[in-house]
C-alpha cells in the first residue's frame, strides 16, 4: 500500500494537471517554490493544512477531494494498521486541528 503522502501528492498532481497548471504556475499561485510543490507531489514533504487549502483553492477543488484516493483491497490487519496510523497521527495535535481533520473525514464519507 502506498504511503498517504504519496497518495496525497499523486492526487494533487492529478488535480493540478486537470486544471492545466504546470508546477511552476501552481507554485506562483500559492506563493511556494517549485521544488516544494515537487516534493509534495512526490510524497516527500507533508504540507501544512493551510498550504493544502491554498493548493486546493488554486486548482479549484475542495480540500477533502485531495483525500479521495482510489480504493485498494484491504484485509483486517490493514484496517487495524490504518486505524493505528490515524490515531498516532492525531496524538498530541491541538483540538482545533483534530476537529478540522474530523470535518474532512465526514465530508469524504458522506460523498460515498
Protein backbone atom coordinates (compact mmCIF):
# COMPACT_ATOMS: atom_id res chain seq x y z
CA UNK A 1 0.00 0.00 0.00
CA UNK A 2 1.33 3.39 -0.95
CA UNK A 3 2.14 5.87 1.77
CA UNK A 4 -0.54 8.51 2.42
CA UNK A 5 1.86 11.30 1.46
CA UNK A 6 2.45 9.60 -1.89
CA UNK A 7 -1.29 9.23 -2.43
CA UNK A 8 -1.92 12.86 -1.46
CA UNK A 9 0.88 14.03 -3.73
CA UNK A 10 -0.47 11.97 -6.62
CA UNK A 11 -3.96 13.47 -6.10
CA UNK A 12 -2.55 17.00 -6.04
CA UNK A 13 -0.62 16.30 -9.22
CA UNK A 14 -3.70 14.75 -10.86
CA UNK A 15 -5.89 17.74 -9.99
CA UNK A 16 -3.16 20.22 -10.96
CA UNK A 17 -2.94 18.62 -14.39
CA UNK A 18 -6.74 18.64 -14.74
CA UNK A 19 -6.58 22.38 -14.02
CA UNK A 20 -3.89 22.59 -16.75
CA UNK A 21 -1.27 24.12 -14.48
CA UNK A 22 2.42 23.40 -14.53
CA UNK A 23 4.19 23.03 -11.22
CA UNK A 24 5.64 26.48 -11.84
CA UNK A 25 2.21 28.03 -12.34
CA UNK A 26 0.80 26.38 -9.22
CA UNK A 27 3.84 27.42 -7.18
CA UNK A 28 3.38 31.02 -8.28
CA UNK A 29 -0.37 30.99 -7.47
CA UNK A 30 0.18 29.66 -3.94
CA UNK A 31 3.43 31.52 -3.26
CA UNK A 32 5.59 28.41 -2.82
CA UNK A 33 8.76 27.25 -4.51
CA UNK A 34 8.56 24.89 -7.47
CA UNK A 35 10.84 22.50 -5.58
CA UNK A 36 8.41 22.40 -2.65
CA UNK A 37 5.48 21.62 -4.97
CA UNK A 38 7.58 18.82 -6.46
CA UNK A 39 8.38 17.40 -3.02
CA UNK A 40 4.69 17.42 -2.11
CA UNK A 41 3.66 15.73 -5.37
CA UNK A 42 6.29 13.01 -4.91
CA UNK A 43 5.15 12.37 -1.33
CA UNK A 44 8.46 13.55 0.12
CA UNK A 45 7.04 16.52 2.03
CA UNK A 46 3.92 16.83 4.19
CA UNK A 47 2.23 20.16 3.56
CA UNK A 48 0.61 22.17 6.34
CA UNK A 49 -3.19 22.26 6.31
CA UNK A 50 -3.17 25.95 5.33
CA UNK A 51 -0.91 25.05 2.40
CA UNK A 52 -3.38 22.35 1.34
CA UNK A 53 -6.16 24.93 1.48
CA UNK A 54 -4.21 27.29 -0.78
CA UNK A 55 -3.35 24.49 -3.23
CA UNK A 56 -6.95 23.24 -3.34
CA UNK A 57 -8.29 26.74 -3.92
CA UNK A 58 -5.75 27.40 -6.66
CA UNK A 59 -6.64 24.24 -8.58
CA UNK A 60 -10.38 24.59 -7.99
CA UNK A 61 -11.16 21.70 -5.67
CA UNK A 62 -12.20 21.29 -2.06
CA UNK A 63 -9.51 20.13 0.38
CA UNK A 64 -11.32 16.87 1.12
CA UNK A 65 -11.22 15.98 -2.59
CA UNK A 66 -7.44 15.70 -2.36
CA UNK A 67 -8.02 12.80 0.03
CA UNK A 68 -10.33 10.83 -2.25
CA UNK A 69 -7.91 8.04 -3.05
CA UNK A 70 -8.68 5.08 -5.26
CA UNK A 71 -9.92 2.11 -3.28
CA UNK A 72 -7.46 -0.69 -2.66
CA UNK A 73 -8.09 -4.19 -1.47
CA UNK A 74 -7.87 -4.36 2.31
CA UNK A 75 -7.90 -7.02 4.95
CA UNK A 76 -8.49 -6.82 8.70
CA UNK A 77 -4.81 -6.34 9.59
CA UNK A 78 -4.60 -3.48 7.08
CA UNK A 79 -7.60 -1.82 8.74
CA UNK A 80 -6.10 -2.21 12.21
CA UNK A 81 -2.84 -0.75 11.00
CA UNK A 82 -4.62 2.14 9.30
CA UNK A 83 -6.56 2.97 12.47
CA UNK A 84 -3.36 2.86 14.50
CA UNK A 85 -1.63 5.17 11.99
CA UNK A 86 -4.53 7.62 12.19
CA UNK A 87 -4.52 7.67 15.98
CA UNK A 88 -0.75 8.16 16.13
CA UNK A 89 -1.02 11.00 13.64
CA UNK A 90 -3.68 12.75 15.72
CA UNK A 91 -1.96 12.13 19.06
CA UNK A 92 -0.92 15.39 20.77
CA UNK A 93 -2.40 17.55 17.99
CA UNK A 94 -4.34 20.64 19.03
CA UNK A 95 -8.12 20.11 19.29
CA UNK A 96 -8.71 22.65 16.50
CA UNK A 97 -6.65 20.55 14.06
CA UNK A 98 -8.37 17.32 15.14
CA UNK A 99 -11.79 18.90 14.56
CA UNK A 100 -10.63 20.12 11.13
CA UNK A 101 -9.46 16.62 10.14
CA UNK A 102 -12.68 15.12 11.51
CA UNK A 103 -14.72 17.51 9.36
CA UNK A 104 -12.71 16.50 6.27
CA UNK A 105 -13.28 12.81 7.02
CA UNK A 106 -17.02 13.36 7.50
CA UNK A 107 -17.23 15.09 4.13
CA UNK A 108 -15.31 12.30 2.44
CA UNK A 109 -17.52 9.55 3.89
CA UNK A 110 -20.76 11.42 3.20
CA UNK A 111 -19.83 11.61 -0.51
CA UNK A 112 -19.67 7.82 -0.87
